[in-house]
Amino acid sequence: MADLQIGAMGGMAICMEIRHDESYLPGDPVSVLMLLDRRADVFLARRSGADGFLVKPLDPQRVRLAIRTLLSGEEFDDEFLRPATVRAGVTE
């Protein structure tokens, strides 16, 4: 897991460095789960090559689901702050 707002390098730079190294170094791919402060940062997580993201505040169930999803080889998009779809007075 990499927090978007860590240290001097930041989660986005760390993720991009991992992806860059994977492009020419042999080895197993590394799954990266980005921790975001706001939904607007999803663009940065996707742009950096992260395999998944969680928007804070975190809760144990969502963290567990994200990790299980990444370990199964799939990508994880956090649905926590996704707005409800509204159609003709019906919400989903």
Protein backbone atom coordinates (compact mmCIF):
# COMPACT_ATOMS: atom_id res chain seq x y z
CA MET A 1 0.00 0.00 0.00
CA ALA A 2 1.19 3.49 -0.77
CA ASP A 3 -0.38 6.65 0.60
CA LEU A 4 -0.64 9.43 -1.98
CA GLN A 5 0.66 11.96 0.57
CA ILE A 6 3.81 10.35 1.98
CA GLY A 7 7.30 11.74 2.34
CA ALA A 8 9.11 13.67 -0.34
CA MET A 9 8.46 11.13 -3.09
CA GLY A 10 4.74 10.51 -2.61
CA GLY A 11 2.67 7.46 -3.45
CA MET A 12 2.26 8.36 -7.12
CA ALA A 13 6.02 8.64 -7.68
CA ILE A 14 6.65 5.39 -5.77
CA CYS A 15 4.09 3.55 -7.91
CA MET A 16 5.50 4.98 -11.13
CA GLU A 17 9.03 3.96 -10.06
CA ILE A 18 7.85 0.39 -9.38
CA ARG A 19 6.17 0.23 -12.81
CA HIS A 20 9.30 1.65 -14.47
CA ASP A 21 11.51 -0.96 -12.77
CA GLU A 22 9.13 -3.76 -13.79
CA SER A 23 9.44 -2.70 -17.42
CA TYR A 24 13.09 -3.74 -17.61
CA LEU A 25 13.89 -5.86 -14.53
CA PRO A 26 12.93 -9.53 -14.39
CA GLY A 27 10.71 -10.66 -11.54
CA ASP A 28 7.17 -10.99 -10.36
CA PRO A 29 4.85 -8.00 -10.81
CA VAL A 30 4.08 -5.97 -7.68
CA SER A 31 0.48 -5.03 -6.88
CA VAL A 32 0.10 -1.46 -5.66
CA LEU A 33 -2.88 -0.26 -3.63
CA MET A 34 -3.01 3.54 -3.44
CA LEU A 35 -4.56 5.23 -0.39
CA LEU A 36 -6.27 8.47 -1.40
CA ASP A 37 -7.47 11.48 0.57
CA ARG A 38 -10.29 12.38 -1.82
CA ARG A 39 -12.18 10.94 -4.75
CA ALA A 40 -10.62 13.52 -7.09
CA ASP A 41 -7.25 11.77 -6.62
CA VAL A 42 -8.50 8.67 -8.47
CA PHE A 43 -7.09 10.16 -11.68
CA LEU A 44 -3.61 10.24 -10.10
CA ALA A 45 -3.89 6.66 -8.88
CA ARG A 46 -4.88 5.42 -12.33
CA ARG A 47 -2.26 7.55 -14.07
CA SER A 48 0.51 6.18 -11.84
CA GLY A 49 -0.35 2.57 -12.71
CA ALA A 50 -1.78 1.56 -9.33
CA ASP A 51 -3.72 -1.71 -9.36
CA GLY A 52 -6.29 -0.36 -6.96
CA PHE A 53 -7.22 2.50 -4.70
CA LEU A 54 -9.05 3.20 -1.46
CA VAL A 55 -10.44 6.58 -0.48
CA LYS A 56 -10.00 7.58 3.19
CA PRO A 57 -11.37 7.21 5.79
CA LEU A 58 -10.52 3.51 5.70
CA ASP A 59 -12.36 0.68 7.39
CA PRO A 60 -11.09 -2.87 7.90
CA GLN A 61 -13.69 -4.51 5.64
CA ARG A 62 -12.82 -2.37 2.62
CA VAL A 63 -9.07 -2.80 3.18
CA ARG A 64 -9.51 -6.59 3.42
CA LEU A 65 -11.65 -6.66 0.26
CA ALA A 66 -9.11 -4.56 -1.65
CA ILE A 67 -6.19 -6.76 -0.63
CA ARG A 68 -8.05 -9.98 -1.46
CA THR A 69 -9.01 -8.56 -4.85
CA LEU A 70 -5.42 -7.59 -5.68
CA LEU A 71 -4.06 -10.94 -4.49
CA SER A 72 -6.49 -12.69 -6.84
CA GLY A 73 -4.92 -10.78 -9.74
CA GLU A 74 -7.75 -8.32 -10.30
CA GLU A 75 -7.85 -4.53 -10.04
CA PHE A 76 -9.76 -2.84 -7.21
CA ASP A 77 -11.73 0.42 -7.60
CA ASP A 78 -13.15 1.75 -4.34
CA GLU A 79 -16.91 2.25 -4.61
CA PHE A 80 -17.19 3.90 -1.16
CA LEU A 81 -17.72 7.49 -2.32
CA ARG A 82 -19.32 6.78 -5.68
CA PRO A 83 -22.50 8.86 -5.99
CA ALA A 84 -25.78 6.98 -6.38
CA THR A 85 -27.17 6.75 -9.90
CA VAL A 86 -30.54 8.44 -10.18
CA ARG A 87 -32.99 7.54 -12.94
CA ALA A 88 -36.59 8.68 -13.05
CA GLY A 89 -36.81 9.01 -9.28
CA VAL A 90 -35.19 5.62 -8.59
CA THR A 91 -31.81 5.40 -6.85
CA GLU A 92 -29.44 2.46 -7.12
